[in-house]
Amino acid sequence: MNYKGIIFDLDGVIVFTDKYHYQAWKTVADEMGIYFDEQINHRLRGVSRMDSLDIILERYEGAPLSQEEKNVIAEKKNNIYRELLQTMSPADVTDEVRDTLKELRNRGIKISLGSSSKNAKFILEKVELIDLFDAISDGTNITRSKPDPEVFLKGAEFLGLNPEDCVVVEDADAGIEAAVAGGMHPAGIGEARDYVKTEFKLDTFSDLLKIFE
């Protein structure tokens, strides 16, 4: 099939910021006396900030929190996270990723981001990749997290393409589910490579070029 567009998840696909998320949530959880480890952090992959907080609060034993208090906690986490992101640079993107994105553009493929992160543009600017994306669908323009397909459907819409004309690149099972739910073609890398609904199995990022030959 002659696909016209490609929509990328950000974290775990283009860049790797899991360690920063973990450090920020760990700081917040420790201050609240909530147990938090890397296994719990793994459940937060691809999940929105507020939904991530709800997962962390499963172990919370203090007084009930109002929505306003939850918003303050989430904002505190984000401020810590953004401070950590300040250390990111173009060196945080591999040559393989950068060269593959450039080649996809050379082949006339439209490129969008599809990330639940509200910091997506900030990250792309820090690593000097933002100019390689034709559109950005992120946490600032969606109301539902993956596995809901909203972020990918918006990405296709911003590219002016039909969902069936787009490939989605994901490293999380929930992202693969979102792509399928949106009528798109999921390509899995990392842990999502062998997920049962993954259509294209990527051993390396540059394997994407085989799909768009």
C-alpha atoms as a PDB file:
ATOM      1  CA  MET A   1       0.000   0.000   0.000  1.00  0.00           C
ATOM      2  CA  ASN A   2       1.125   3.529  -0.756  1.00  0.00           C
ATOM      3  CA  TYR A   3       1.062   5.194   2.655  1.00  0.00           C
ATOM      4  CA  LYS A   4       1.136   8.991   2.685  1.00  0.00           C
ATOM      5  CA  GLY A   5       1.861   9.852   6.300  1.00  0.00           C
ATOM      6  CA  ILE A   6       3.568   8.634   9.428  1.00  0.00           C
ATOM      7  CA  ILE A   7       2.686   9.531  13.015  1.00  0.00           C
ATOM      8  CA  PHE A   8       5.272   9.041  15.746  1.00  0.00           C
ATOM      9  CA  ASP A   9       4.894   8.566  19.445  1.00  0.00           C
ATOM     10  CA  LEU A  10       7.602  10.603  21.147  1.00  0.00           C
ATOM     11  CA  ASP A  11       8.991   8.981  24.258  1.00  0.00           C
ATOM     12  CA  GLY A  12      10.597   5.606  23.628  1.00  0.00           C
ATOM     13  CA  VAL A  13      10.500   6.147  19.864  1.00  0.00           C
ATOM     14  CA  ILE A  14      12.102   9.484  18.993  1.00  0.00           C
ATOM     15  CA  VAL A  15      13.678  10.282  22.365  1.00  0.00           C
ATOM     16  CA  PHE A  16      13.957   8.558  25.735  1.00  0.00           C
ATOM     17  CA  THR A  17      12.799  10.648  28.696  1.00  0.00           C
ATOM     18  CA  ASP A  18      11.506   7.851  30.936  1.00  0.00           C
ATOM     19  CA  LYS A  19      14.272   8.530  33.436  1.00  0.00           C
ATOM     20  CA  TYR A  20      13.176  12.153  33.803  1.00  0.00           C
ATOM     21  CA  HIS A  21       9.528  11.186  34.299  1.00  0.00           C
ATOM     22  CA  TYR A  22      10.576   8.662  36.904  1.00  0.00           C
ATOM     23  CA  GLN A  23      12.748  11.122  38.807  1.00  0.00           C
ATOM     24  CA  ALA A  24      10.008  13.767  38.819  1.00  0.00           C
ATOM     25  CA  TRP A  25       7.208  11.425  39.922  1.00  0.00           C
ATOM     26  CA  LYS A  26       9.535   9.823  42.495  1.00  0.00           C
ATOM     27  CA  THR A  27      10.229  13.219  44.040  1.00  0.00           C
ATOM     28  CA  VAL A  28       6.520  14.001  44.303  1.00  0.00           C
ATOM     29  CA  ALA A  29       5.604  10.539  45.619  1.00  0.00           C
ATOM     30  CA  ASP A  30       8.352  10.588  48.245  1.00  0.00           C
ATOM     31  CA  GLU A  31       7.160  13.944  49.536  1.00  0.00           C
ATOM     32  CA  MET A  32       3.649  12.521  49.913  1.00  0.00           C
ATOM     33  CA  GLY A  33       4.845   9.317  51.565  1.00  0.00           C
ATOM     34  CA  ILE A  34       3.670   7.186  48.643  1.00  0.00           C
ATOM     35  CA  TYR A  35       5.606   4.085  47.602  1.00  0.00           C
ATOM     36  CA  PHE A  36       6.793   4.431  44.002  1.00  0.00           C
ATOM     37  CA  ASP A  37       9.227   2.312  42.021  1.00  0.00           C
ATOM     38  CA  GLU A  38      10.250   1.658  38.430  1.00  0.00           C
ATOM     39  CA  GLN A  39       7.635  -1.075  38.024  1.00  0.00           C
ATOM     40  CA  ILE A  40       4.853   1.387  38.869  1.00  0.00           C
ATOM     41  CA  ASN A  41       6.530   3.960  36.634  1.00  0.00           C
ATOM     42  CA  HIS A  42       6.343   1.473  33.773  1.00  0.00           C
ATOM     43  CA  ARG A  43       2.540   1.597  33.999  1.00  0.00           C
ATOM     44  CA  LEU A  44       2.673   5.317  33.231  1.00  0.00           C
ATOM     45  CA  ARG A  45       4.144   4.925  29.750  1.00  0.00           C
ATOM     46  CA  GLY A  46       1.925   6.618  27.188  1.00  0.00           C
ATOM     47  CA  VAL A  47      -0.494   7.740  29.893  1.00  0.00           C
ATOM     48  CA  SER A  48      -1.546  11.369  30.439  1.00  0.00           C
ATOM     49  CA  ARG A  49      -0.250  13.338  33.412  1.00  0.00           C
ATOM     50  CA  MET A  50      -3.518  13.279  35.377  1.00  0.00           C
ATOM     51  CA  ASP A  51      -4.126   9.591  34.667  1.00  0.00           C
ATOM     52  CA  SER A  52      -0.546   8.901  35.775  1.00  0.00           C
ATOM     53  CA  LEU A  53      -1.227  10.731  39.025  1.00  0.00           C
ATOM     54  CA  ASP A  54      -4.318   8.598  39.612  1.00  0.00           C
ATOM     55  CA  ILE A  55      -2.164   5.461  39.252  1.00  0.00           C
ATOM     56  CA  ILE A  56       0.347   6.793  41.773  1.00  0.00           C
ATOM     57  CA  LEU A  57      -2.428   7.757  44.176  1.00  0.00           C
ATOM     58  CA  GLU A  58      -3.617   4.151  44.299  1.00  0.00           C
ATOM     59  CA  ARG A  59      -1.157   3.760  47.179  1.00  0.00           C
ATOM     60  CA  TYR A  60      -2.003   7.093  48.809  1.00  0.00           C
ATOM     61  CA  GLU A  61      -3.261   6.785  52.385  1.00  0.00           C
ATOM     62  CA  GLY A  62      -3.761  10.432  53.326  1.00  0.00           C
ATOM     63  CA  ALA A  63      -6.837  12.647  53.403  1.00  0.00           C
ATOM     64  CA  PRO A  64      -8.961  12.725  50.224  1.00  0.00           C
ATOM     65  CA  LEU A  65      -7.605  15.119  47.614  1.00  0.00           C
ATOM     66  CA  SER A  66      -9.718  17.646  45.753  1.00  0.00           C
ATOM     67  CA  GLN A  67      -9.319  18.053  41.991  1.00  0.00           C
ATOM     68  CA  GLU A  68      -7.610  21.374  42.637  1.00  0.00           C
ATOM     69  CA  GLU A  69      -5.075  19.705  44.926  1.00  0.00           C
ATOM     70  CA  LYS A  70      -4.449  17.023  42.306  1.00  0.00           C
ATOM     71  CA  ASN A  71      -3.864  19.726  39.705  1.00  0.00           C
ATOM     72  CA  VAL A  72      -1.276  21.354  41.966  1.00  0.00           C
ATOM     73  CA  ILE A  73       0.538  18.033  42.450  1.00  0.00           C
ATOM     74  CA  ALA A  74       0.543  17.334  38.715  1.00  0.00           C
ATOM     75  CA  GLU A  75       1.859  20.812  37.974  1.00  0.00           C
ATOM     76  CA  LYS A  76       4.616  20.378  40.546  1.00  0.00           C
ATOM     77  CA  LYS A  77       5.659  17.133  38.891  1.00  0.00           C
ATOM     78  CA  ASN A  78       5.696  18.835  35.505  1.00  0.00           C
ATOM     79  CA  ASN A  79       7.844  21.695  36.761  1.00  0.00           C
ATOM     80  CA  ILE A  80      10.409  19.217  38.108  1.00  0.00           C
ATOM     81  CA  TYR A  81      10.261  17.282  34.828  1.00  0.00           C
ATOM     82  CA  ARG A  82      10.761  20.403  32.702  1.00  0.00           C
ATOM     83  CA  GLU A  83      13.782  21.362  34.786  1.00  0.00           C
ATOM     84  CA  LEU A  84      15.280  17.951  34.054  1.00  0.00           C
ATOM     85  CA  LEU A  85      14.452  18.332  30.352  1.00  0.00           C
ATOM     86  CA  GLN A  86      16.570  21.475  30.239  1.00  0.00           C
ATOM     87  CA  THR A  87      19.592  19.194  30.068  1.00  0.00           C
ATOM     88  CA  MET A  88      18.439  17.657  26.762  1.00  0.00           C
ATOM     89  CA  SER A  89      20.294  18.494  23.545  1.00  0.00           C
ATOM     90  CA  PRO A  90      20.542  17.311  19.920  1.00  0.00           C
ATOM     91  CA  ALA A  91      22.861  14.585  21.216  1.00  0.00           C
ATOM     92  CA  ASP A  92      19.806  12.906  22.775  1.00  0.00           C
ATOM     93  CA  VAL A  93      18.613  11.894  19.285  1.00  0.00           C
ATOM     94  CA  THR A  94      20.529   9.199  17.432  1.00  0.00           C
ATOM     95  CA  ASP A  95      21.893   9.794  13.950  1.00  0.00           C
ATOM     96  CA  GLU A  96      19.711   6.900  12.795  1.00  0.00           C
ATOM     97  CA  VAL A  97      16.520   8.608  13.959  1.00  0.00           C
ATOM     98  CA  ARG A  98      17.498  11.989  12.537  1.00  0.00           C
ATOM     99  CA  ASP A  99      18.619  10.578   9.180  1.00  0.00           C
ATOM    100  CA  THR A 100      15.504   8.393   8.852  1.00  0.00           C
ATOM    101  CA  LEU A 101      13.192  11.350   9.468  1.00  0.00           C
ATOM    102  CA  LYS A 102      15.036  13.378   6.853  1.00  0.00           C
ATOM    103  CA  GLU A 103      14.831  10.541   4.323  1.00  0.00           C
ATOM    104  CA  LEU A 104      11.091  10.095   4.925  1.00  0.00           C
ATOM    105  CA  ARG A 105      10.611  13.785   4.164  1.00  0.00           C
ATOM    106  CA  ASN A 106      12.758  13.437   1.041  1.00  0.00           C
ATOM    107  CA  ARG A 107      10.403  10.677  -0.117  1.00  0.00           C
ATOM    108  CA  GLY A 108       7.424  13.000   0.246  1.00  0.00           C
ATOM    109  CA  ILE A 109       5.991  11.406   3.387  1.00  0.00           C
ATOM    110  CA  LYS A 110       4.133  13.738   5.731  1.00  0.00           C
ATOM    111  CA  ILE A 111       5.291  13.474   9.337  1.00  0.00           C
ATOM    112  CA  SER A 112       3.305  14.135  12.508  1.00  0.00           C
ATOM    113  CA  LEU A 113       3.841  13.615  16.199  1.00  0.00           C
ATOM    114  CA  GLY A 114       1.191  11.808  18.233  1.00  0.00           C
ATOM    115  CA  SER A 115       2.103  12.120  21.901  1.00  0.00           C
ATOM    116  CA  SER A 116       0.098  12.562  25.082  1.00  0.00           C
ATOM    117  CA  SER A 117       2.891  14.746  26.470  1.00  0.00           C
ATOM    118  CA  LYS A 118       2.179  18.445  26.931  1.00  0.00           C
ATOM    119  CA  ASN A 119       5.927  19.019  26.697  1.00  0.00           C
ATOM    120  CA  ALA A 120       6.291  17.515  23.230  1.00  0.00           C
ATOM    121  CA  LYS A 121       7.073  20.748  21.377  1.00  0.00           C
ATOM    122  CA  PHE A 122       9.505  21.806  24.083  1.00  0.00           C
ATOM    123  CA  ILE A 123      11.370  18.490  23.781  1.00  0.00           C
ATOM    124  CA  LEU A 124      11.484  18.620  19.978  1.00  0.00           C
ATOM    125  CA  GLU A 125      12.889  22.131  20.172  1.00  0.00           C
ATOM    126  CA  LYS A 126      15.561  21.080  22.692  1.00  0.00           C
ATOM    127  CA  VAL A 127      16.765  18.248  20.442  1.00  0.00           C
ATOM    128  CA  GLU A 128      16.394  20.370  17.291  1.00  0.00           C
ATOM    129  CA  LEU A 129      13.905  18.115  15.521  1.00  0.00           C
ATOM    130  CA  ILE A 130      10.816  20.294  15.392  1.00  0.00           C
ATOM    131  CA  ASP A 131      11.471  21.454  11.813  1.00  0.00           C
ATOM    132  CA  LEU A 132      11.214  17.844  10.575  1.00  0.00           C
ATOM    133  CA  PHE A 133       7.573  17.551  11.666  1.00  0.00           C
ATOM    134  CA  ASP A 134       4.709  18.808   9.517  1.00  0.00           C
ATOM    135  CA  ALA A 135       2.227  18.619  12.395  1.00  0.00           C
ATOM    136  CA  ILE A 136       2.148  18.039  16.135  1.00  0.00           C
ATOM    137  CA  SER A 137      -0.704  16.391  18.018  1.00  0.00           C
ATOM    138  CA  ASP A 138       0.042  16.304  21.722  1.00  0.00           C
ATOM    139  CA  GLY A 139      -1.351  16.652  25.207  1.00  0.00           C
ATOM    140  CA  THR A 140      -2.336  20.269  24.578  1.00  0.00           C
ATOM    141  CA  ASN A 141      -5.011  19.373  22.038  1.00  0.00           C
ATOM    142  CA  ILE A 142      -6.508  16.089  23.303  1.00  0.00           C
ATOM    143  CA  THR A 143      -8.846  15.101  26.122  1.00  0.00           C
ATOM    144  CA  ARG A 144      -8.405  11.307  26.049  1.00  0.00           C
ATOM    145  CA  SER A 145      -5.279   9.194  26.494  1.00  0.00           C
ATOM    146  CA  LYS A 146      -4.190   6.098  24.585  1.00  0.00           C
ATOM    147  CA  PRO A 147      -5.527   3.488  23.958  1.00  0.00           C
ATOM    148  CA  ASP A 148      -8.129   6.014  22.785  1.00  0.00           C
ATOM    149  CA  PRO A 149      -7.099   6.965  19.215  1.00  0.00           C
ATOM    150  CA  GLU A 150      -7.774  10.706  19.593  1.00  0.00           C
ATOM    151  CA  VAL A 151      -4.129  11.849  19.519  1.00  0.00           C
ATOM    152  CA  PHE A 152      -3.439   9.887  16.327  1.00  0.00           C
ATOM    153  CA  LEU A 153      -6.689  10.898  14.643  1.00  0.00           C
ATOM    154  CA  LYS A 154      -5.805  14.531  15.313  1.00  0.00           C
ATOM    155  CA  GLY A 155      -2.346  13.905  13.898  1.00  0.00           C
ATOM    156  CA  ALA A 156      -3.823  12.551  10.658  1.00  0.00           C
ATOM    157  CA  GLU A 157      -6.291  15.441  10.548  1.00  0.00           C
ATOM    158  CA  PHE A 158      -3.493  17.998  10.984  1.00  0.00           C
ATOM    159  CA  LEU A 159      -1.657  16.358   8.076  1.00  0.00           C
ATOM    160  CA  GLY A 160      -4.803  16.495   5.949  1.00  0.00           C
ATOM    161  CA  LEU A 161      -4.787  12.708   5.544  1.00  0.00           C
ATOM    162  CA  ASN A 162      -7.267   9.901   6.081  1.00  0.00           C
ATOM    163  CA  PRO A 163      -6.394   7.552   8.968  1.00  0.00           C
ATOM    164  CA  GLU A 164      -6.029   4.558   6.652  1.00  0.00           C
ATOM    165  CA  ASP A 165      -3.259   6.375   4.769  1.00  0.00           C
ATOM    166  CA  CYS A 166      -1.099   6.668   7.905  1.00  0.00           C
ATOM    167  CA  VAL A 167       1.401   4.456   9.698  1.00  0.00           C
ATOM    168  CA  VAL A 168       1.759   4.925  13.463  1.00  0.00           C
ATOM    169  CA  VAL A 169       5.064   4.165  15.190  1.00  0.00           C
ATOM    170  CA  GLU A 170       4.757   3.088  18.828  1.00  0.00           C
ATOM    171  CA  ASP A 171       6.758   1.388  21.561  1.00  0.00           C
ATOM    172  CA  ALA A 172       3.814   0.718  23.897  1.00  0.00           C
ATOM    173  CA  ASP A 173       0.950  -1.748  23.585  1.00  0.00           C
ATOM    174  CA  ALA A 174      -1.590   0.969  24.419  1.00  0.00           C
ATOM    175  CA  GLY A 175      -0.287   2.983  21.481  1.00  0.00           C
ATOM    176  CA  ILE A 176      -0.672   0.030  19.134  1.00  0.00           C
ATOM    177  CA  GLU A 177      -4.251  -0.386  20.370  1.00  0.00           C
ATOM    178  CA  ALA A 178      -4.879   3.313  19.732  1.00  0.00           C
ATOM    179  CA  ALA A 179      -3.565   3.066  16.189  1.00  0.00           C
ATOM    180  CA  VAL A 180      -5.764   0.059  15.442  1.00  0.00           C
ATOM    181  CA  ALA A 181      -8.807   1.760  16.991  1.00  0.00           C
ATOM    182  CA  GLY A 182      -8.169   4.750  14.744  1.00  0.00           C
ATOM    183  CA  GLY A 183      -8.025   2.657  11.590  1.00  0.00           C
ATOM    184  CA  MET A 184      -4.302   3.185  11.076  1.00  0.00           C
ATOM    185  CA  HIS A 185      -1.394   0.830  10.455  1.00  0.00           C
ATOM    186  CA  PRO A 186       0.694   0.220  13.597  1.00  0.00           C
ATOM    187  CA  ALA A 187       4.449  -0.245  13.478  1.00  0.00           C
ATOM    188  CA  GLY A 188       5.930  -1.517  16.734  1.00  0.00           C
ATOM    189  CA  ILE A 189       9.415  -0.912  18.032  1.00  0.00           C
ATOM    190  CA  GLY A 190      10.922  -1.949  21.352  1.00  0.00           C
ATOM    191  CA  GLU A 191       8.404  -3.720  23.576  1.00  0.00           C
ATOM    192  CA  ALA A 192       5.568  -3.142  21.093  1.00  0.00           C
ATOM    193  CA  ARG A 193       7.412  -4.944  18.306  1.00  0.00           C
ATOM    194  CA  ASP A 194       5.938  -8.313  19.204  1.00  0.00           C
ATOM    195  CA  TYR A 195       2.513  -7.149  20.349  1.00  0.00           C
ATOM    196  CA  VAL A 196      -0.229  -9.256  18.769  1.00  0.00           C
ATOM    197  CA  LYS A 197      -1.820  -6.319  16.904  1.00  0.00           C
ATOM    198  CA  THR A 198       1.435  -4.868  15.557  1.00  0.00           C
ATOM    199  CA  GLU A 199       1.358  -4.833  11.758  1.00  0.00           C
ATOM    200  CA  PHE A 200       4.970  -3.845  11.048  1.00  0.00           C
ATOM    201  CA  LYS A 201       7.691  -5.198  13.343  1.00  0.00           C
ATOM    202  CA  LEU A 202      10.676  -2.853  13.548  1.00  0.00           C
ATOM    203  CA  ASP A 203      14.047  -4.180  14.678  1.00  0.00           C
ATOM    204  CA  THR A 204      15.589  -0.753  14.186  1.00  0.00           C
ATOM    205  CA  PHE A 205      14.192   2.723  13.568  1.00  0.00           C
ATOM    206  CA  SER A 206      15.520   2.801  10.002  1.00  0.00           C
ATOM    207  CA  ASP A 207      13.416  -0.277   9.163  1.00  0.00           C
ATOM    208  CA  LEU A 208      10.646   2.274   8.595  1.00  0.00           C
ATOM    209  CA  LEU A 209      12.177   3.086   5.224  1.00  0.00           C
ATOM    210  CA  LYS A 210      11.207  -0.398   4.005  1.00  0.00           C
ATOM    211  CA  ILE A 211       7.536   0.453   4.557  1.00  0.00           C
ATOM    212  CA  PHE A 212       7.798   3.572   2.421  1.00  0.00           C
ATOM    213  CA  GLU A 213       9.884   2.237  -0.448  1.00  0.00           C
END
